[in-house]
């Protein structure tokens, strides 16, 4: 869907990298192996995003680090668009209302790091969650979003142990009970 609107594959990859999870920080040479593209192509798009004030850069040693400008007026809209692109909006909307006493939903793994992936890894945190409902819904949603959905159901006590196994860029809070 997004590729039809934005013809630059590099631009789409950068949007996913920085705007799906705003805590992602990266530098030019670090993006090259993940994107599988030349540094020149990546540099051009980084410069365009920085000129548009969508990315903020800082220097650490001899590296120029980039991160999303979360204060940009378009940031919330770009983030929502990317959630729709990867299908997370449908997953959350369908699951939250019928799952049980849910407290939080996390996206983990490659998508949380901003790398496009055919797999959506989710952690559902709560009490007495309906695992058969989640399984049934995951199978239906896989056909809609064209991605494999893997999930783990955790109670609030287990969450801290699981968080300890992930870096901050591999974990994105998608939803939290009010």
N, C-alpha and C. Protein backbone atom coordinates (compact mmCIF):
# COMPACT_ATOMS: atom_id res chain seq x y z
N UNK A 1 0.82 -1.19 0.00
CA UNK A 1 0.00 0.00 0.00
C UNK A 1 0.87 1.26 0.00
N UNK A 2 1.78 1.39 0.95
CA UNK A 2 2.61 2.57 1.07
C UNK A 2 3.52 2.72 -0.14
N UNK A 3 3.97 1.60 -0.68
CA UNK A 3 4.87 1.64 -1.83
C UNK A 3 4.20 2.23 -3.06
N UNK A 4 2.87 2.16 -3.14
CA UNK A 4 2.15 2.76 -4.26
C UNK A 4 2.15 4.29 -4.14
N UNK A 5 2.17 4.81 -2.94
CA UNK A 5 2.18 6.25 -2.72
C UNK A 5 3.59 6.83 -2.74
N UNK A 6 4.52 6.09 -2.17
CA UNK A 6 5.91 6.54 -2.07
C UNK A 6 6.76 5.58 -2.89
N UNK A 7 7.26 6.05 -4.01
CA UNK A 7 7.95 5.16 -4.95
C UNK A 7 9.39 4.83 -4.54
N UNK A 8 9.97 5.62 -3.66
CA UNK A 8 11.34 5.35 -3.22
C UNK A 8 11.33 4.28 -2.13
N UNK A 9 11.92 3.13 -2.42
CA UNK A 9 11.99 2.05 -1.43
C UNK A 9 12.83 2.49 -0.22
N UNK A 10 13.85 3.26 -0.47
CA UNK A 10 14.70 3.75 0.62
C UNK A 10 13.90 4.65 1.54
N UNK A 11 13.06 5.51 0.97
CA UNK A 11 12.25 6.42 1.77
C UNK A 11 11.27 5.64 2.65
N UNK A 12 10.65 4.61 2.09
CA UNK A 12 9.72 3.78 2.86
C UNK A 12 10.46 3.10 4.01
N UNK A 13 11.64 2.58 3.75
CA UNK A 13 12.43 1.92 4.79
C UNK A 13 12.81 2.90 5.90
N UNK A 14 13.15 4.13 5.53
CA UNK A 14 13.50 5.14 6.53
C UNK A 14 12.27 5.53 7.36
N UNK A 15 11.12 5.65 6.73
CA UNK A 15 9.90 5.95 7.46
C UNK A 15 9.62 4.86 8.49
N UNK A 16 9.72 3.60 8.06
CA UNK A 16 9.49 2.49 8.99
C UNK A 16 10.52 2.52 10.13
N UNK A 17 11.77 2.76 9.78
CA UNK A 17 12.85 2.74 10.77
C UNK A 17 12.64 3.78 11.86
N UNK A 18 12.30 5.00 11.46
CA UNK A 18 12.27 6.10 12.42
C UNK A 18 10.88 6.48 12.92
N UNK A 19 9.84 6.23 12.15
CA UNK A 19 8.53 6.73 12.53
C UNK A 19 7.59 5.66 13.08
N UNK A 20 7.89 4.40 12.91
CA UNK A 20 7.08 3.37 13.54
C UNK A 20 7.40 3.33 15.03
N UNK A 21 8.68 3.36 15.35
CA UNK A 21 9.13 3.41 16.74
C UNK A 21 10.06 4.61 16.88
N UNK A 22 9.57 5.67 17.47
CA UNK A 22 10.32 6.93 17.53
C UNK A 22 11.57 6.86 18.40
N UNK A 23 11.76 5.79 19.15
CA UNK A 23 12.97 5.69 19.97
C UNK A 23 14.16 5.15 19.17
N UNK A 24 13.93 4.76 17.92
CA UNK A 24 15.03 4.27 17.09
C UNK A 24 15.99 5.40 16.73
N UNK A 25 17.26 5.12 16.89
CA UNK A 25 18.33 6.04 16.52
C UNK A 25 19.32 5.24 15.68
N UNK A 26 19.79 5.84 14.59
CA UNK A 26 20.72 5.11 13.73
C UNK A 26 21.64 6.08 13.02
N UNK A 27 22.68 5.54 12.42
CA UNK A 27 23.61 6.33 11.64
C UNK A 27 23.72 5.71 10.25
N UNK A 28 24.28 6.47 9.32
CA UNK A 28 24.29 6.09 7.91
C UNK A 28 24.85 4.69 7.67
N UNK A 29 26.03 4.42 8.16
CA UNK A 29 26.66 3.10 7.93
C UNK A 29 25.89 1.97 8.60
N UNK A 30 25.18 2.27 9.67
CA UNK A 30 24.37 1.25 10.35
C UNK A 30 23.12 0.89 9.56
N UNK A 31 22.66 1.80 8.72
CA UNK A 31 21.47 1.55 7.91
C UNK A 31 21.78 0.74 6.66
N UNK A 32 23.01 0.86 6.17
CA UNK A 32 23.39 0.20 4.91
C UNK A 32 23.16 -1.31 4.92
N UNK A 33 23.62 -2.08 5.92
CA UNK A 33 23.39 -3.53 5.87
C UNK A 33 21.91 -3.90 6.03
N UNK A 34 21.19 -3.16 6.86
CA UNK A 34 19.77 -3.46 7.07
C UNK A 34 18.94 -3.16 5.83
N UNK A 35 19.30 -2.12 5.12
CA UNK A 35 18.53 -1.72 3.94
C UNK A 35 18.98 -2.42 2.67
N UNK A 36 20.24 -2.85 2.64
CA UNK A 36 20.76 -3.50 1.44
C UNK A 36 20.88 -2.54 0.26
N UNK A 37 21.17 -1.29 0.57
CA UNK A 37 21.27 -0.26 -0.46
C UNK A 37 22.56 0.53 -0.26
N UNK A 38 22.92 1.29 -1.29
CA UNK A 38 24.16 2.06 -1.22
C UNK A 38 24.03 3.19 -0.21
N UNK A 39 25.17 3.56 0.37
CA UNK A 39 25.15 4.66 1.34
C UNK A 39 24.74 5.97 0.66
N UNK A 40 25.05 6.13 -0.60
CA UNK A 40 24.68 7.35 -1.30
C UNK A 40 23.16 7.52 -1.38
N UNK A 41 22.46 6.45 -1.74
CA UNK A 41 20.99 6.51 -1.83
C UNK A 41 20.39 6.80 -0.46
N UNK A 42 20.92 6.17 0.57
CA UNK A 42 20.42 6.37 1.93
C UNK A 42 20.71 7.80 2.39
N UNK A 43 21.93 8.29 2.11
CA UNK A 43 22.34 9.64 2.50
C UNK A 43 21.43 10.69 1.87
N UNK A 44 21.09 10.51 0.61
CA UNK A 44 20.22 11.47 -0.07
C UNK A 44 18.85 11.57 0.62
N UNK A 45 18.29 10.43 0.96
CA UNK A 45 16.98 10.43 1.63
C UNK A 45 17.08 10.97 3.05
N UNK A 46 18.14 10.63 3.77
CA UNK A 46 18.34 11.19 5.12
C UNK A 46 18.42 12.71 5.05
N UNK A 47 19.15 13.23 4.05
CA UNK A 47 19.27 14.68 3.89
C UNK A 47 17.91 15.31 3.60
N UNK A 48 17.10 14.67 2.76
CA UNK A 48 15.77 15.19 2.45
C UNK A 48 14.90 15.24 3.71
N UNK A 49 14.92 14.17 4.49
CA UNK A 49 14.14 14.14 5.73
C UNK A 49 14.63 15.18 6.73
N UNK A 50 15.95 15.35 6.79
CA UNK A 50 16.49 16.34 7.73
C UNK A 50 16.14 17.76 7.28
N UNK A 51 16.23 18.04 5.98
CA UNK A 51 15.86 19.36 5.46
C UNK A 51 14.38 19.66 5.71
N UNK A 52 13.54 18.63 5.67
CA UNK A 52 12.11 18.81 5.92
C UNK A 52 11.81 18.85 7.41
N UNK A 53 12.83 18.74 8.25
CA UNK A 53 12.71 18.75 9.70
C UNK A 53 11.96 17.53 10.24
N UNK A 54 11.91 16.45 9.45
CA UNK A 54 11.29 15.21 9.92
C UNK A 54 12.26 14.39 10.75
N UNK A 55 13.56 14.56 10.48
CA UNK A 55 14.59 13.88 11.26
C UNK A 55 15.46 14.93 11.95
N UNK A 56 15.95 14.56 13.12
CA UNK A 56 16.89 15.38 13.87
C UNK A 56 18.21 14.61 13.92
N UNK A 57 19.31 15.33 13.75
CA UNK A 57 20.61 14.66 13.82
C UNK A 57 21.44 15.22 14.97
N UNK A 58 22.34 14.39 15.43
CA UNK A 58 23.31 14.78 16.44
C UNK A 58 24.60 14.04 16.14
N UNK A 59 25.68 14.48 16.71
CA UNK A 59 26.96 13.84 16.46
C UNK A 59 27.46 13.18 17.73
N UNK A 60 27.92 11.94 17.57
CA UNK A 60 28.54 11.21 18.67
C UNK A 60 29.84 10.64 18.13
N UNK A 61 30.95 11.20 18.59
CA UNK A 61 32.24 10.81 18.03
C UNK A 61 32.29 11.26 16.58
N UNK A 62 32.55 10.32 15.68
CA UNK A 62 32.58 10.66 14.26
C UNK A 62 31.32 10.21 13.53
N UNK A 63 30.28 9.85 14.29
CA UNK A 63 29.04 9.37 13.69
C UNK A 63 27.95 10.43 13.80
N UNK A 64 27.23 10.59 12.71
CA UNK A 64 26.06 11.47 12.71
C UNK A 64 24.84 10.58 12.93
N UNK A 65 24.19 10.77 14.08
CA UNK A 65 23.05 9.95 14.46
C UNK A 65 21.75 10.65 14.08
N UNK A 66 20.79 9.84 13.62
CA UNK A 66 19.49 10.37 13.20
C UNK A 66 18.39 9.76 14.06
N UNK A 67 17.36 10.57 14.31
CA UNK A 67 16.16 10.08 14.98
C UNK A 67 14.98 10.91 14.49
N UNK A 68 13.79 10.40 14.69
CA UNK A 68 12.58 11.10 14.26
C UNK A 68 12.37 12.35 15.10
N UNK A 69 11.88 13.39 14.46
CA UNK A 69 11.50 14.61 15.15
C UNK A 69 10.05 14.44 15.60
N UNK A 70 9.86 14.01 16.83
CA UNK A 70 8.52 13.74 17.33
C UNK A 70 7.71 15.02 17.54
N UNK A 71 8.37 16.17 17.48
CA UNK A 71 7.67 17.46 17.61
C UNK A 71 7.18 17.99 16.27
N UNK A 72 7.54 17.33 15.18
CA UNK A 72 7.07 17.77 13.86
C UNK A 72 5.55 17.58 13.81
N UNK A 73 4.83 18.55 13.25
CA UNK A 73 3.37 18.44 13.22
C UNK A 73 2.85 17.22 12.47
N UNK A 74 3.62 16.66 11.55
CA UNK A 74 3.18 15.49 10.81
C UNK A 74 3.56 14.16 11.47
N UNK A 75 4.36 14.21 12.53
CA UNK A 75 4.80 12.96 13.15
C UNK A 75 3.64 12.05 13.53
N UNK A 76 2.61 12.54 14.26
CA UNK A 76 1.53 11.62 14.66
C UNK A 76 0.81 11.00 13.45
N UNK A 77 0.65 11.77 12.41
CA UNK A 77 -0.04 11.26 11.22
C UNK A 77 0.80 10.22 10.48
N UNK A 78 2.09 10.47 10.38
CA UNK A 78 2.98 9.50 9.73
C UNK A 78 3.01 8.21 10.54
N UNK A 79 3.07 8.32 11.86
CA UNK A 79 3.08 7.15 12.73
C UNK A 79 1.80 6.33 12.54
N UNK A 80 0.65 6.98 12.51
CA UNK A 80 -0.62 6.28 12.30
C UNK A 80 -0.66 5.61 10.94
N UNK A 81 -0.15 6.29 9.92
CA UNK A 81 -0.11 5.72 8.57
C UNK A 81 0.74 4.45 8.55
N UNK A 82 1.86 4.46 9.23
CA UNK A 82 2.74 3.29 9.27
C UNK A 82 2.10 2.15 10.06
N UNK A 83 1.39 2.46 11.14
CA UNK A 83 0.67 1.41 11.86
C UNK A 83 -0.35 0.74 10.94
N UNK A 84 -1.01 1.52 10.13
CA UNK A 84 -1.96 0.96 9.17
C UNK A 84 -1.25 0.16 8.09
N UNK A 85 -0.11 0.66 7.64
CA UNK A 85 0.66 -0.02 6.60
C UNK A 85 1.06 -1.43 7.03
N UNK A 86 1.50 -1.58 8.25
CA UNK A 86 1.93 -2.91 8.71
C UNK A 86 0.78 -3.73 9.28
N UNK A 87 -0.41 -3.12 9.41
CA UNK A 87 -1.59 -3.85 9.84
C UNK A 87 -1.84 -3.85 11.33
N UNK A 88 -1.06 -3.10 12.09
CA UNK A 88 -1.20 -3.12 13.54
C UNK A 88 -2.47 -2.45 14.02
N UNK A 89 -2.98 -1.50 13.27
CA UNK A 89 -4.23 -0.85 13.69
C UNK A 89 -5.38 -1.84 13.75
N UNK A 90 -5.43 -2.75 12.77
CA UNK A 90 -6.50 -3.76 12.74
C UNK A 90 -6.34 -4.76 13.87
N UNK A 91 -5.11 -5.16 14.13
CA UNK A 91 -4.85 -6.13 15.20
C UNK A 91 -5.33 -5.56 16.53
N UNK A 92 -4.92 -4.34 16.84
CA UNK A 92 -5.26 -3.73 18.12
C UNK A 92 -6.76 -3.51 18.23
N UNK A 93 -7.37 -2.93 17.20
CA UNK A 93 -8.81 -2.65 17.26
C UNK A 93 -9.63 -3.91 17.49
N UNK A 94 -9.28 -4.99 16.84
CA UNK A 94 -10.06 -6.23 16.95
C UNK A 94 -9.84 -6.92 18.29
N UNK A 95 -8.64 -6.89 18.79
CA UNK A 95 -8.29 -7.68 19.97
C UNK A 95 -8.73 -7.03 21.27
N UNK A 96 -8.50 -5.76 21.43
CA UNK A 96 -8.65 -5.08 22.71
C UNK A 96 -10.03 -5.27 23.35
N UNK A 97 -11.07 -5.18 22.55
CA UNK A 97 -12.42 -5.15 23.12
C UNK A 97 -12.94 -6.51 23.54
N UNK A 98 -12.35 -7.60 23.06
CA UNK A 98 -12.92 -8.92 23.34
C UNK A 98 -11.95 -9.90 23.98
N UNK A 99 -10.80 -9.44 24.40
CA UNK A 99 -9.75 -10.35 24.82
C UNK A 99 -9.82 -10.70 26.31
N UNK A 100 -10.38 -9.84 27.13
CA UNK A 100 -10.39 -10.07 28.57
C UNK A 100 -9.82 -8.86 29.30
N UNK A 101 -9.23 -9.08 30.45
CA UNK A 101 -8.69 -8.00 31.26
C UNK A 101 -7.28 -7.65 30.80
N UNK A 102 -7.19 -6.94 29.67
CA UNK A 102 -5.90 -6.61 29.08
C UNK A 102 -5.38 -5.29 29.63
N UNK A 103 -4.07 -5.24 29.89
CA UNK A 103 -3.44 -4.05 30.45
C UNK A 103 -2.58 -3.33 29.42
N UNK A 104 -1.81 -4.10 28.63
CA UNK A 104 -0.89 -3.50 27.66
C UNK A 104 -0.71 -4.43 26.47
N UNK A 105 -0.34 -3.82 25.33
CA UNK A 105 0.04 -4.59 24.14
C UNK A 105 1.35 -3.99 23.63
N UNK A 106 2.33 -4.87 23.41
CA UNK A 106 3.64 -4.44 22.92
C UNK A 106 3.93 -5.07 21.56
N UNK A 107 4.56 -4.29 20.70
CA UNK A 107 5.15 -4.80 19.47
C UNK A 107 6.61 -5.05 19.77
N UNK A 108 7.12 -6.23 19.40
CA UNK A 108 8.52 -6.57 19.67
C UNK A 108 9.19 -7.05 18.39
N UNK A 109 10.51 -7.09 18.40
CA UNK A 109 11.24 -7.67 17.28
C UNK A 109 11.53 -6.70 16.15
N UNK A 110 11.59 -7.24 14.96
CA UNK A 110 12.03 -6.48 13.79
C UNK A 110 11.15 -5.27 13.47
N UNK A 111 9.84 -5.43 13.52
CA UNK A 111 8.97 -4.28 13.24
C UNK A 111 9.16 -3.19 14.28
N UNK A 112 9.34 -3.55 15.51
CA UNK A 112 9.57 -2.55 16.56
C UNK A 112 10.87 -1.79 16.31
N UNK A 113 11.84 -2.45 15.73
CA UNK A 113 13.11 -1.80 15.40
C UNK A 113 12.99 -0.95 14.14
N UNK A 114 11.85 -1.03 13.46
CA UNK A 114 11.65 -0.24 12.26
C UNK A 114 12.07 -0.95 10.99
N UNK A 115 12.30 -2.25 11.08
CA UNK A 115 12.65 -3.03 9.90
C UNK A 115 11.40 -3.74 9.40
N UNK A 116 11.17 -3.65 8.10
CA UNK A 116 9.99 -4.30 7.54
C UNK A 116 10.12 -5.81 7.76
N UNK A 117 9.03 -6.43 8.11
CA UNK A 117 9.05 -7.85 8.43
C UNK A 117 7.72 -8.47 8.02
N UNK A 118 7.77 -9.72 7.66
CA UNK A 118 6.55 -10.46 7.33
C UNK A 118 5.88 -11.00 8.59
N UNK A 119 6.50 -10.75 9.75
CA UNK A 119 5.99 -11.27 11.02
C UNK A 119 5.71 -10.12 11.97
N UNK A 120 4.54 -10.15 12.60
CA UNK A 120 4.18 -9.22 13.65
C UNK A 120 4.28 -9.98 14.97
N UNK A 121 5.23 -9.59 15.82
CA UNK A 121 5.41 -10.22 17.13
C UNK A 121 4.79 -9.32 18.18
N UNK A 122 3.86 -9.88 18.95
CA UNK A 122 3.12 -9.11 19.95
C UNK A 122 3.20 -9.76 21.32
N UNK A 123 3.20 -8.92 22.35
CA UNK A 123 3.04 -9.37 23.72
C UNK A 123 1.73 -8.79 24.24
N UNK A 124 0.84 -9.64 24.71
CA UNK A 124 -0.40 -9.22 25.34
C UNK A 124 -0.23 -9.40 26.84
N UNK A 125 -0.44 -8.33 27.60
CA UNK A 125 -0.24 -8.36 29.04
C UNK A 125 -1.57 -8.14 29.74
N UNK A 126 -1.92 -9.07 30.63
CA UNK A 126 -3.17 -8.92 31.38
C UNK A 126 -3.48 -10.16 32.19
N UNK A 127 -4.71 -10.19 32.71
CA UNK A 127 -5.17 -11.31 33.53
C UNK A 127 -6.28 -12.04 32.80
N UNK A 128 -6.25 -13.34 32.88
CA UNK A 128 -7.32 -14.18 32.32
C UNK A 128 -7.68 -13.81 30.89
N UNK A 129 -6.64 -13.70 30.04
CA UNK A 129 -6.88 -13.37 28.64
C UNK A 129 -7.35 -14.61 27.89
N UNK A 130 -8.25 -14.42 26.97
CA UNK A 130 -8.86 -15.51 26.21
C UNK A 130 -7.93 -15.94 25.07
N UNK A 131 -7.09 -16.94 25.34
CA UNK A 131 -6.09 -17.37 24.35
C UNK A 131 -6.72 -17.99 23.12
N UNK A 132 -7.84 -18.68 23.26
CA UNK A 132 -8.49 -19.26 22.07
C UNK A 132 -9.05 -18.16 21.18
N UNK A 133 -9.55 -17.10 21.77
CA UNK A 133 -10.03 -15.96 20.98
C UNK A 133 -8.87 -15.31 20.22
N UNK A 134 -7.75 -15.12 20.91
CA UNK A 134 -6.57 -14.51 20.29
C UNK A 134 -6.08 -15.37 19.12
N UNK A 135 -5.99 -16.68 19.33
CA UNK A 135 -5.55 -17.58 18.27
C UNK A 135 -6.47 -17.51 17.06
N UNK A 136 -7.76 -17.58 17.28
CA UNK A 136 -8.73 -17.51 16.20
C UNK A 136 -8.63 -16.19 15.45
N UNK A 137 -8.53 -15.11 16.18
CA UNK A 137 -8.44 -13.79 15.57
C UNK A 137 -7.13 -13.60 14.82
N UNK A 138 -6.03 -14.10 15.38
CA UNK A 138 -4.73 -13.98 14.72
C UNK A 138 -4.76 -14.66 13.36
N UNK A 139 -5.37 -15.83 13.29
CA UNK A 139 -5.46 -16.54 12.01
C UNK A 139 -6.26 -15.74 10.99
N UNK A 140 -7.34 -15.13 11.40
CA UNK A 140 -8.16 -14.31 10.50
C UNK A 140 -7.42 -13.05 10.06
N UNK A 141 -6.75 -12.41 11.01
CA UNK A 141 -6.04 -11.16 10.70
C UNK A 141 -4.83 -11.38 9.80
N UNK A 142 -4.21 -12.55 9.89
CA UNK A 142 -3.07 -12.84 9.02
C UNK A 142 -3.46 -12.73 7.55
N UNK A 143 -4.66 -13.17 7.23
CA UNK A 143 -5.14 -13.07 5.85
C UNK A 143 -5.38 -11.63 5.45
N UNK A 144 -5.81 -10.80 6.38
CA UNK A 144 -6.11 -9.39 6.08
C UNK A 144 -4.83 -8.57 5.93
N UNK A 145 -3.90 -8.74 6.86
CA UNK A 145 -2.69 -7.90 6.86
C UNK A 145 -1.54 -8.52 6.08
N UNK A 146 -1.70 -9.75 5.62
CA UNK A 146 -0.67 -10.46 4.83
C UNK A 146 0.67 -10.54 5.57
N UNK A 147 0.60 -10.79 6.86
CA UNK A 147 1.77 -10.99 7.70
C UNK A 147 1.44 -12.07 8.71
N UNK A 148 2.44 -12.80 9.12
CA UNK A 148 2.29 -13.82 10.17
C UNK A 148 2.21 -13.09 11.51
N UNK A 149 1.29 -13.51 12.36
CA UNK A 149 1.16 -12.92 13.69
C UNK A 149 1.58 -13.95 14.74
N UNK A 150 2.60 -13.58 15.52
CA UNK A 150 3.03 -14.40 16.64
C UNK A 150 2.79 -13.61 17.90
N UNK A 151 2.39 -14.29 18.94
CA UNK A 151 2.09 -13.57 20.17
C UNK A 151 2.44 -14.41 21.39
N UNK A 152 2.61 -13.68 22.49
CA UNK A 152 2.82 -14.29 23.80
C UNK A 152 1.85 -13.61 24.75
N UNK A 153 1.23 -14.39 25.61
CA UNK A 153 0.34 -13.84 26.63
C UNK A 153 1.11 -13.85 27.95
N UNK A 154 1.21 -12.67 28.56
CA UNK A 154 1.98 -12.51 29.80
C UNK A 154 1.09 -11.94 30.88
N UNK A 155 1.39 -12.29 32.12
CA UNK A 155 0.75 -11.56 33.22
C UNK A 155 1.69 -10.41 33.59
N UNK A 156 1.21 -9.52 34.42
CA UNK A 156 2.00 -8.33 34.75
C UNK A 156 3.31 -8.67 35.46
N UNK A 157 3.34 -9.76 36.19
CA UNK A 157 4.57 -10.17 36.87
C UNK A 157 5.62 -10.65 35.88
N UNK A 158 5.21 -11.32 34.83
CA UNK A 158 6.14 -11.85 33.84
C UNK A 158 6.70 -10.76 32.93
N UNK A 159 5.99 -9.65 32.81
CA UNK A 159 6.38 -8.60 31.88
C UNK A 159 7.79 -8.09 32.13
N UNK A 160 8.15 -7.82 33.36
CA UNK A 160 9.49 -7.28 33.65
C UNK A 160 10.58 -8.26 33.25
N UNK A 161 10.37 -9.56 33.45
CA UNK A 161 11.36 -10.56 33.02
C UNK A 161 11.52 -10.55 31.51
N UNK A 162 10.41 -10.45 30.78
CA UNK A 162 10.46 -10.45 29.33
C UNK A 162 11.08 -9.15 28.81
N UNK A 163 10.78 -8.02 29.46
CA UNK A 163 11.37 -6.74 29.04
C UNK A 163 12.89 -6.78 29.16
N UNK A 164 13.39 -7.49 30.15
CA UNK A 164 14.83 -7.57 30.37
C UNK A 164 15.55 -8.29 29.22
N UNK A 165 14.81 -9.06 28.42
CA UNK A 165 15.42 -9.79 27.31
C UNK A 165 15.51 -8.95 26.04
N UNK A 166 14.95 -7.74 26.04
CA UNK A 166 14.90 -6.91 24.85
C UNK A 166 15.59 -5.58 25.06
N UNK A 167 16.19 -5.04 24.00
CA UNK A 167 16.70 -3.68 24.02
C UNK A 167 15.53 -2.73 23.84
N UNK A 168 15.70 -1.47 24.18
CA UNK A 168 14.60 -0.50 24.08
C UNK A 168 14.11 -0.32 22.66
N UNK A 169 14.98 -0.52 21.66
CA UNK A 169 14.54 -0.34 20.27
C UNK A 169 13.81 -1.57 19.74
N UNK A 170 13.73 -2.65 20.52
CA UNK A 170 13.02 -3.86 20.10
C UNK A 170 11.66 -3.98 20.77
N UNK A 171 11.23 -2.95 21.45
CA UNK A 171 10.01 -3.01 22.26
C UNK A 171 9.25 -1.70 22.10
N UNK A 172 8.00 -1.79 21.64
CA UNK A 172 7.19 -0.60 21.42
C UNK A 172 5.82 -0.83 22.03
N UNK A 173 5.47 0.02 22.99
CA UNK A 173 4.15 -0.04 23.61
C UNK A 173 3.12 0.46 22.61
N UNK A 174 2.19 -0.41 22.21
CA UNK A 174 1.16 -0.03 21.25
C UNK A 174 -0.12 0.45 21.90
N UNK A 175 -0.44 -0.13 23.04
CA UNK A 175 -1.71 0.19 23.70
C UNK A 175 -1.57 -0.05 25.19
N UNK A 176 -2.23 0.81 25.95
CA UNK A 176 -2.22 0.65 27.41
C UNK A 176 -3.61 1.00 27.94
N UNK A 177 -4.10 0.22 28.90
CA UNK A 177 -5.39 0.49 29.51
C UNK A 177 -5.33 1.82 30.24
N UNK A 178 -6.43 2.53 30.19
CA UNK A 178 -6.46 3.86 30.84
C UNK A 178 -6.79 3.77 32.29
